[in-house]
Amino acid sequence: MRVGIHTGPCMSGIIGSKNLRFSLLGDSVVTAADMEKTGTPDYIHASEDIAELLPGEGWEKCKILDRKERGSMQTYLLKVV
């Protein structure tokens, strides 16, 4: 299993009229999805913002994620036991 995590602003809402769906939208959600896609199995792939919010978790510095039109971002990994 791969997990991507990021923090930041987002917006939510109900989409549809017959088949209602809850949706979470925003750059933070896209960033977390990018983390999950490029992550390593059995690790939590997190942004620098998360690593700074949880400094005592034993984060390992990982690759720099290059994001289109948003610049590059240092990422971190945390082994899932």
PDB file of N, CA and C in Angstrom:
ATOM      1  N   MET A   1       0.848  -1.173   0.000  1.00  0.00           N
ATOM      2  CA  MET A   1       0.000   0.000   0.000  1.00  0.00           C
ATOM      3  C   MET A   1       0.892   1.234   0.000  1.00  0.00           C
ATOM      4  N   ARG A   2       0.480   2.252  -0.728  1.00  0.00           N
ATOM      5  CA  ARG A   2       1.196   3.535  -0.763  1.00  0.00           C
ATOM      6  C   ARG A   2       0.277   4.615  -0.217  1.00  0.00           C
ATOM      7  N   VAL A   3       0.872   5.561   0.521  1.00  0.00           N
ATOM      8  CA  VAL A   3       0.100   6.662   1.106  1.00  0.00           C
ATOM      9  C   VAL A   3       0.818   7.968   0.786  1.00  0.00           C
ATOM     10  N   GLY A   4       0.060   8.975   0.351  1.00  0.00           N
ATOM     11  CA  GLY A   4       0.578  10.312   0.140  1.00  0.00           C
ATOM     12  C   GLY A   4      -0.133  11.275   1.069  1.00  0.00           C
ATOM     13  N   ILE A   5       0.620  12.175   1.701  1.00  0.00           N
ATOM     14  CA  ILE A   5       0.006  13.091   2.662  1.00  0.00           C
ATOM     15  C   ILE A   5       0.606  14.491   2.510  1.00  0.00           C
ATOM     16  N   HIS A   6      -0.272  15.488   2.585  1.00  0.00           N
ATOM     17  CA  HIS A   6       0.114  16.897   2.487  1.00  0.00           C
ATOM     18  C   HIS A   6      -0.903  17.700   3.288  1.00  0.00           C
ATOM     19  N   THR A   7      -0.563  18.899   3.627  1.00  0.00           N
ATOM     20  CA  THR A   7      -1.490  19.762   4.358  1.00  0.00           C
ATOM     21  C   THR A   7      -1.645  21.087   3.626  1.00  0.00           C
ATOM     22  N   GLY A   8      -2.826  21.680   3.736  1.00  0.00           N
ATOM     23  CA  GLY A   8      -3.083  22.956   3.092  1.00  0.00           C
ATOM     24  C   GLY A   8      -4.570  23.165   2.874  1.00  0.00           C
ATOM     25  N   PRO A   9      -4.931  24.272   2.237  1.00  0.00           N
ATOM     26  CA  PRO A   9      -6.353  24.577   2.035  1.00  0.00           C
ATOM     27  C   PRO A   9      -6.985  23.661   0.994  1.00  0.00           C
ATOM     28  N   CYS A  10      -8.269  23.403   1.180  1.00  0.00           N
ATOM     29  CA  CYS A  10      -9.034  22.627   0.214  1.00  0.00           C
ATOM     30  C   CYS A  10     -10.504  23.029   0.328  1.00  0.00           C
ATOM     31  N   MET A  11     -11.304  22.496  -0.573  1.00  0.00           N
ATOM     32  CA  MET A  11     -12.729  22.793  -0.601  1.00  0.00           C
ATOM     33  C   MET A  11     -13.465  21.483  -0.832  1.00  0.00           C
ATOM     34  N   SER A  12     -14.628  21.338  -0.239  1.00  0.00           N
ATOM     35  CA  SER A  12     -15.395  20.107  -0.432  1.00  0.00           C
ATOM     36  C   SER A  12     -16.811  20.445  -0.883  1.00  0.00           C
ATOM     37  N   GLY A  13     -17.459  19.450  -1.448  1.00  0.00           N
ATOM     38  CA  GLY A  13     -18.831  19.663  -1.877  1.00  0.00           C
ATOM     39  C   GLY A  13     -19.464  18.382  -2.378  1.00  0.00           C
ATOM     40  N   ILE A  14     -20.754  18.449  -2.596  1.00  0.00           N
ATOM     41  CA  ILE A  14     -21.519  17.338  -3.137  1.00  0.00           C
ATOM     42  C   ILE A  14     -21.701  17.587  -4.631  1.00  0.00           C
ATOM     43  N   ILE A  15     -21.381  16.581  -5.437  1.00  0.00           N
ATOM     44  CA  ILE A  15     -21.460  16.705  -6.887  1.00  0.00           C
ATOM     45  C   ILE A  15     -22.535  15.752  -7.402  1.00  0.00           C
ATOM     46  N   GLY A  16     -23.349  16.233  -8.323  1.00  0.00           N
ATOM     47  CA  GLY A  16     -24.363  15.401  -8.958  1.00  0.00           C
ATOM     48  C   GLY A  16     -25.754  15.727  -8.467  1.00  0.00           C
ATOM     49  N   SER A  17     -26.752  15.190  -9.181  1.00  0.00           N
ATOM     50  CA  SER A  17     -28.136  15.395  -8.773  1.00  0.00           C
ATOM     51  C   SER A  17     -28.857  14.062  -8.530  1.00  0.00           C
ATOM     52  N   LYS A  18     -28.503  13.023  -9.283  1.00  0.00           N
ATOM     53  CA  LYS A  18     -29.109  11.715  -9.071  1.00  0.00           C
ATOM     54  C   LYS A  18     -28.192  10.808  -8.248  1.00  0.00           C
ATOM     55  N   ASN A  19     -26.961  10.720  -8.672  1.00  0.00           N
ATOM     56  CA  ASN A  19     -25.976   9.897  -7.985  1.00  0.00           C
ATOM     57  C   ASN A  19     -25.010  10.837  -7.257  1.00  0.00           C
ATOM     58  N   LEU A  20     -25.339  11.195  -6.052  1.00  0.00           N
ATOM     59  CA  LEU A  20     -24.561  12.182  -5.310  1.00  0.00           C
ATOM     60  C   LEU A  20     -23.196  11.630  -4.912  1.00  0.00           C
ATOM     61  N   ARG A  21     -22.174  12.463  -5.052  1.00  0.00           N
ATOM     62  CA  ARG A  21     -20.812  12.094  -4.668  1.00  0.00           C
ATOM     63  C   ARG A  21     -20.189  13.224  -3.878  1.00  0.00           C
ATOM     64  N   PHE A  22     -19.474  12.870  -2.840  1.00  0.00           N
ATOM     65  CA  PHE A  22     -18.722  13.849  -2.060  1.00  0.00           C
ATOM     66  C   PHE A  22     -17.360  14.007  -2.718  1.00  0.00           C
ATOM     67  N   SER A  23     -16.903  15.238  -2.882  1.00  0.00           N
ATOM     68  CA  SER A  23     -15.619  15.484  -3.527  1.00  0.00           C
ATOM     69  C   SER A  23     -14.806  16.478  -2.723  1.00  0.00           C
ATOM     70  N   LEU A  24     -13.508  16.253  -2.694  1.00  0.00           N
ATOM     71  CA  LEU A  24     -12.553  17.133  -2.027  1.00  0.00           C
ATOM     72  C   LEU A  24     -11.649  17.698  -3.108  1.00  0.00           C
ATOM     73  N   LEU A  25     -11.566  19.026  -3.217  1.00  0.00           N
ATOM     74  CA  LEU A  25     -10.871  19.684  -4.308  1.00  0.00           C
ATOM     75  C   LEU A  25      -9.814  20.647  -3.778  1.00  0.00           C
ATOM     76  N   GLY A  26      -8.795  20.876  -4.582  1.00  0.00           N
ATOM     77  CA  GLY A  26      -7.799  21.875  -4.244  1.00  0.00           C
ATOM     78  C   GLY A  26      -6.380  21.403  -4.529  1.00  0.00           C
ATOM     79  N   ASP A  27      -5.446  22.339  -4.523  1.00  0.00           N
ATOM     80  CA  ASP A  27      -4.045  22.047  -4.796  1.00  0.00           C
ATOM     81  C   ASP A  27      -3.463  21.076  -3.770  1.00  0.00           C
ATOM     82  N   SER A  28      -3.888  21.178  -2.531  1.00  0.00           N
ATOM     83  CA  SER A  28      -3.392  20.281  -1.485  1.00  0.00           C
ATOM     84  C   SER A  28      -3.788  18.831  -1.769  1.00  0.00           C
ATOM     85  N   VAL A  29      -4.977  18.632  -2.287  1.00  0.00           N
ATOM     86  CA  VAL A  29      -5.452  17.295  -2.627  1.00  0.00           C
ATOM     87  C   VAL A  29      -4.658  16.742  -3.805  1.00  0.00           C
ATOM     88  N   VAL A  30      -4.388  17.579  -4.793  1.00  0.00           N
ATOM     89  CA  VAL A  30      -3.594  17.176  -5.959  1.00  0.00           C
ATOM     90  C   VAL A  30      -2.173  16.824  -5.519  1.00  0.00           C
ATOM     91  N   THR A  31      -1.608  17.612  -4.611  1.00  0.00           N
ATOM     92  CA  THR A  31      -0.264  17.343  -4.103  1.00  0.00           C
ATOM     93  C   THR A  31      -0.215  16.001  -3.379  1.00  0.00           C
ATOM     94  N   ALA A  32      -1.190  15.723  -2.532  1.00  0.00           N
ATOM     95  CA  ALA A  32      -1.248  14.442  -1.820  1.00  0.00           C
ATOM     96  C   ALA A  32      -1.385  13.285  -2.816  1.00  0.00           C
ATOM     97  N   ALA A  33      -2.167  13.467  -3.855  1.00  0.00           N
ATOM     98  CA  ALA A  33      -2.325  12.430  -4.873  1.00  0.00           C
ATOM     99  C   ALA A  33      -1.010  12.188  -5.611  1.00  0.00           C
ATOM    100  N   ASP A  34      -0.274  13.266  -5.910  1.00  0.00           N
ATOM    101  CA  ASP A  34       1.043  13.127  -6.542  1.00  0.00           C
ATOM    102  C   ASP A  34       1.997  12.361  -5.632  1.00  0.00           C
ATOM    103  N   MET A  35       1.936  12.632  -4.328  1.00  0.00           N
ATOM    104  CA  MET A  35       2.776  11.921  -3.362  1.00  0.00           C
ATOM    105  C   MET A  35       2.454  10.430  -3.389  1.00  0.00           C
ATOM    106  N   GLU A  36       1.174  10.102  -3.438  1.00  0.00           N
ATOM    107  CA  GLU A  36       0.767   8.700  -3.445  1.00  0.00           C
ATOM    108  C   GLU A  36       1.235   8.011  -4.729  1.00  0.00           C
ATOM    109  N   LYS A  37       1.085   8.670  -5.864  1.00  0.00           N
ATOM    110  CA  LYS A  37       1.464   8.083  -7.153  1.00  0.00           C
ATOM    111  C   LYS A  37       2.951   7.795  -7.241  1.00  0.00           C
ATOM    112  N   THR A  38       3.775   8.676  -6.682  1.00  0.00           N
ATOM    113  CA  THR A  38       5.230   8.525  -6.782  1.00  0.00           C
ATOM    114  C   THR A  38       5.823   7.881  -5.539  1.00  0.00           C
ATOM    115  N   GLY A  39       4.969   7.419  -4.640  1.00  0.00           N
ATOM    116  CA  GLY A  39       5.439   6.846  -3.384  1.00  0.00           C
ATOM    117  C   GLY A  39       6.021   5.454  -3.522  1.00  0.00           C
ATOM    118  N   THR A  40       6.595   4.989  -2.420  1.00  0.00           N
ATOM    119  CA  THR A  40       7.189   3.663  -2.317  1.00  0.00           C
ATOM    120  C   THR A  40       6.253   2.782  -1.501  1.00  0.00           C
ATOM    121  N   PRO A  41       6.030   1.530  -1.913  1.00  0.00           N
ATOM    122  CA  PRO A  41       5.162   0.646  -1.122  1.00  0.00           C
ATOM    123  C   PRO A  41       5.657   0.509   0.321  1.00  0.00           C
ATOM    124  N   ASP A  42       4.723   0.453   1.249  1.00  0.00           N
ATOM    125  CA  ASP A  42       4.987   0.320   2.696  1.00  0.00           C
ATOM    126  C   ASP A  42       5.618   1.559   3.324  1.00  0.00           C
ATOM    127  N   TYR A  43       5.493   2.703   2.671  1.00  0.00           N
ATOM    128  CA  TYR A  43       5.984   3.966   3.209  1.00  0.00           C
ATOM    129  C   TYR A  43       4.894   5.025   3.092  1.00  0.00           C
ATOM    130  N   ILE A  44       4.936   6.000   3.975  1.00  0.00           N
ATOM    131  CA  ILE A  44       4.111   7.196   3.848  1.00  0.00           C
ATOM    132  C   ILE A  44       4.978   8.237   3.168  1.00  0.00           C
ATOM    133  N   HIS A  45       4.539   8.733   2.031  1.00  0.00           N
ATOM    134  CA  HIS A  45       5.265   9.754   1.278  1.00  0.00           C
ATOM    135  C   HIS A  45       4.653  11.100   1.634  1.00  0.00           C
ATOM    136  N   ALA A  46       5.429  11.982   2.241  1.00  0.00           N
ATOM    137  CA  ALA A  46       4.891  13.230   2.771  1.00  0.00           C
ATOM    138  C   ALA A  46       5.645  14.443   2.247  1.00  0.00           C
ATOM    139  N   SER A  47       4.959  15.569   2.277  1.00  0.00           N
ATOM    140  CA  SER A  47       5.570  16.834   1.889  1.00  0.00           C
ATOM    141  C   SER A  47       6.413  17.378   3.048  1.00  0.00           C
ATOM    142  N   GLU A  48       7.190  18.385   2.751  1.00  0.00           N
ATOM    143  CA  GLU A  48       8.012  19.022   3.786  1.00  0.00           C
ATOM    144  C   GLU A  48       7.138  19.656   4.864  1.00  0.00           C
ATOM    145  N   ASP A  49       5.968  20.152   4.481  1.00  0.00           N
ATOM    146  CA  ASP A  49       5.050  20.748   5.457  1.00  0.00           C
ATOM    147  C   ASP A  49       4.650  19.734   6.528  1.00  0.00           C
ATOM    148  N   ILE A  50       4.364  18.499   6.124  1.00  0.00           N
ATOM    149  CA  ILE A  50       3.985  17.450   7.072  1.00  0.00           C
ATOM    150  C   ILE A  50       5.173  17.089   7.952  1.00  0.00           C
ATOM    151  N   ALA A  51       6.352  16.950   7.350  1.00  0.00           N
ATOM    152  CA  ALA A  51       7.551  16.604   8.122  1.00  0.00           C
ATOM    153  C   ALA A  51       7.849  17.661   9.176  1.00  0.00           C
ATOM    154  N   GLU A  52       7.588  18.929   8.866  1.00  0.00           N
ATOM    155  CA  GLU A  52       7.798  20.007   9.837  1.00  0.00           C
ATOM    156  C   GLU A  52       6.735  19.996  10.937  1.00  0.00           C
ATOM    157  N   LEU A  53       5.505  19.596  10.600  1.00  0.00           N
ATOM    158  CA  LEU A  53       4.435  19.520  11.600  1.00  0.00           C
ATOM    159  C   LEU A  53       4.632  18.344  12.561  1.00  0.00           C
ATOM    160  N   LEU A  54       5.294  17.280  12.088  1.00  0.00           N
ATOM    161  CA  LEU A  54       5.510  16.069  12.894  1.00  0.00           C
ATOM    162  C   LEU A  54       7.002  15.743  12.941  1.00  0.00           C
ATOM    163  N   PRO A  55       7.810  16.572  13.618  1.00  0.00           N
ATOM    164  CA  PRO A  55       9.263  16.417  13.559  1.00  0.00           C
ATOM    165  C   PRO A  55       9.812  15.171  14.256  1.00  0.00           C
ATOM    166  N   GLY A  56       9.111  14.591  15.185  1.00  0.00           N
ATOM    167  CA  GLY A  56       9.638  13.463  15.932  1.00  0.00           C
ATOM    168  C   GLY A  56       9.335  12.101  15.339  1.00  0.00           C
ATOM    169  N   GLU A  57       8.919  12.035  14.098  1.00  0.00           N
ATOM    170  CA  GLU A  57       8.470  10.778  13.506  1.00  0.00           C
ATOM    171  C   GLU A  57       9.539   9.983  12.767  1.00  0.00           C
ATOM    172  N   GLY A  58      10.745  10.482  12.655  1.00  0.00           N
ATOM    173  CA  GLY A  58      11.803   9.732  11.973  1.00  0.00           C
ATOM    174  C   GLY A  58      11.712   9.756  10.455  1.00  0.00           C
ATOM    175  N   TRP A  59      11.409  10.902   9.900  1.00  0.00           N
ATOM    176  CA  TRP A  59      11.281  11.050   8.444  1.00  0.00           C
ATOM    177  C   TRP A  59      12.632  10.865   7.773  1.00  0.00           C
ATOM    178  N   GLU A  60      12.646  10.209   6.627  1.00  0.00           N
ATOM    179  CA  GLU A  60      13.838  10.063   5.793  1.00  0.00           C
ATOM    180  C   GLU A  60      13.681  10.981   4.587  1.00  0.00           C
ATOM    181  N   LYS A  61      14.709  11.805   4.334  1.00  0.00           N
ATOM    182  CA  LYS A  61      14.651  12.680   3.170  1.00  0.00           C
ATOM    183  C   LYS A  61      14.561  11.829   1.916  1.00  0.00           C
ATOM    184  N   CYS A  62      13.690  12.224   1.027  1.00  0.00           N
ATOM    185  CA  CYS A  62      13.466  11.477  -0.214  1.00  0.00           C
ATOM    186  C   CYS A  62      13.774  12.396  -1.389  1.00  0.00           C
ATOM    187  N   LYS A  63      13.199  12.079  -2.516  1.00  0.00           N
ATOM    188  CA  LYS A  63      13.446  12.847  -3.734  1.00  0.00           C
ATOM    189  C   LYS A  63      12.761  14.210  -3.710  1.00  0.00           C
ATOM    190  N   ILE A  64      13.196  15.056  -4.598  1.00  0.00           N
ATOM    191  CA  ILE A  64      12.539  16.340  -4.811  1.00  0.00           C
ATOM    192  C   ILE A  64      11.503  16.113  -5.905  1.00  0.00           C
ATOM    193  N   LEU A  65      10.256  16.390  -5.570  1.00  0.00           N
ATOM    194  CA  LEU A  65       9.151  16.199  -6.501  1.00  0.00           C
ATOM    195  C   LEU A  65       9.012  17.444  -7.356  1.00  0.00           C
ATOM    196  N   ASP A  66       9.149  17.292  -8.670  1.00  0.00           N
ATOM    197  CA  ASP A  66       9.021  18.422  -9.596  1.00  0.00           C
ATOM    198  C   ASP A  66       7.577  18.494 -10.047  1.00  0.00           C
ATOM    199  N   ARG A  67       6.905  19.573  -9.680  1.00  0.00           N
ATOM    200  CA  ARG A  67       5.481  19.722  -9.991  1.00  0.00           C
ATOM    201  C   ARG A  67       5.299  20.813 -11.034  1.00  0.00           C
ATOM    202  N   LYS A  68       4.568  20.492 -12.071  1.00  0.00           N
ATOM    203  CA  LYS A  68       4.307  21.448 -13.148  1.00  0.00           C
ATOM    204  C   LYS A  68       3.668  22.717 -12.594  1.00  0.00           C
ATOM    205  N   GLU A  69       4.191  23.846 -12.992  1.00  0.00           N
ATOM    206  CA  GLU A  69       3.654  25.166 -12.641  1.00  0.00           C
ATOM    207  C   GLU A  69       3.615  25.452 -11.138  1.00  0.00           C
ATOM    208  N   ARG A  70       4.087  24.519 -10.301  1.00  0.00           N
ATOM    209  CA  ARG A  70       4.067  24.745  -8.853  1.00  0.00           C
ATOM    210  C   ARG A  70       5.463  24.695  -8.263  1.00  0.00           C
ATOM    211  N   GLY A  71       6.455  24.395  -9.084  1.00  0.00           N
ATOM    212  CA  GLY A  71       7.831  24.335  -8.612  1.00  0.00           C
ATOM    213  C   GLY A  71       8.172  22.982  -8.007  1.00  0.00           C
ATOM    214  N   SER A  72       9.363  22.905  -7.460  1.00  0.00           N
ATOM    215  CA  SER A  72       9.812  21.647  -6.878  1.00  0.00           C
ATOM    216  C   SER A  72       9.563  21.640  -5.369  1.00  0.00           C
ATOM    217  N   MET A  73       9.482  20.430  -4.810  1.00  0.00           N
ATOM    218  CA  MET A  73       9.139  20.277  -3.399  1.00  0.00           C
ATOM    219  C   MET A  73       9.937  19.108  -2.815  1.00  0.00           C
ATOM    220  N   GLN A  74      10.614  19.354  -1.698  1.00  0.00           N
ATOM    221  CA  GLN A  74      11.327  18.275  -1.002  1.00  0.00           C
ATOM    222  C   GLN A  74      10.306  17.347  -0.368  1.00  0.00           C
ATOM    223  N   THR A  75      10.504  16.039  -0.503  1.00  0.00           N
ATOM    224  CA  THR A  75       9.575  15.082   0.079  1.00  0.00           C
ATOM    225  C   THR A  75      10.299  14.169   1.067  1.00  0.00           C
ATOM    226  N   TYR A  76       9.519  13.494   1.883  1.00  0.00           N
ATOM    227  CA  TYR A  76      10.041  12.637   2.951  1.00  0.00           C
ATOM    228  C   TYR A  76       9.291  11.318   2.982  1.00  0.00           C
ATOM    229  N   LEU A  77       9.951  10.277   3.487  1.00  0.00           N
ATOM    230  CA  LEU A  77       9.344   8.960   3.626  1.00  0.00           C
ATOM    231  C   LEU A  77       9.350   8.538   5.089  1.00  0.00           C
ATOM    232  N   LEU A  78       8.320   7.805   5.476  1.00  0.00           N
ATOM    233  CA  LEU A  78       8.221   7.232   6.809  1.00  0.00           C
ATOM    234  C   LEU A  78       7.814   5.773   6.656  1.00  0.00           C
ATOM    235  N   LYS A  79       8.648   4.865   7.168  1.00  0.00           N
ATOM    236  CA  LYS A  79       8.384   3.423   7.049  1.00  0.00           C
ATOM    237  C   LYS A  79       7.174   3.056   7.896  1.00  0.00           C
ATOM    238  N   VAL A  80       6.249   2.283   7.301  1.00  0.00           N
ATOM    239  CA  VAL A  80       5.071   1.800   8.007  1.00  0.00           C
ATOM    240  C   VAL A  80       5.410   0.427   8.580  1.00  0.00           C
ATOM    241  N   VAL A  81       5.226   0.263   9.860  1.00  0.00           N
ATOM    242  CA  VAL A  81       5.592  -0.999  10.519  1.00  0.00           C
ATOM    243  C   VAL A  81       4.573  -2.064  10.232  1.00  0.00           C
TER     244      VAL A  81
END
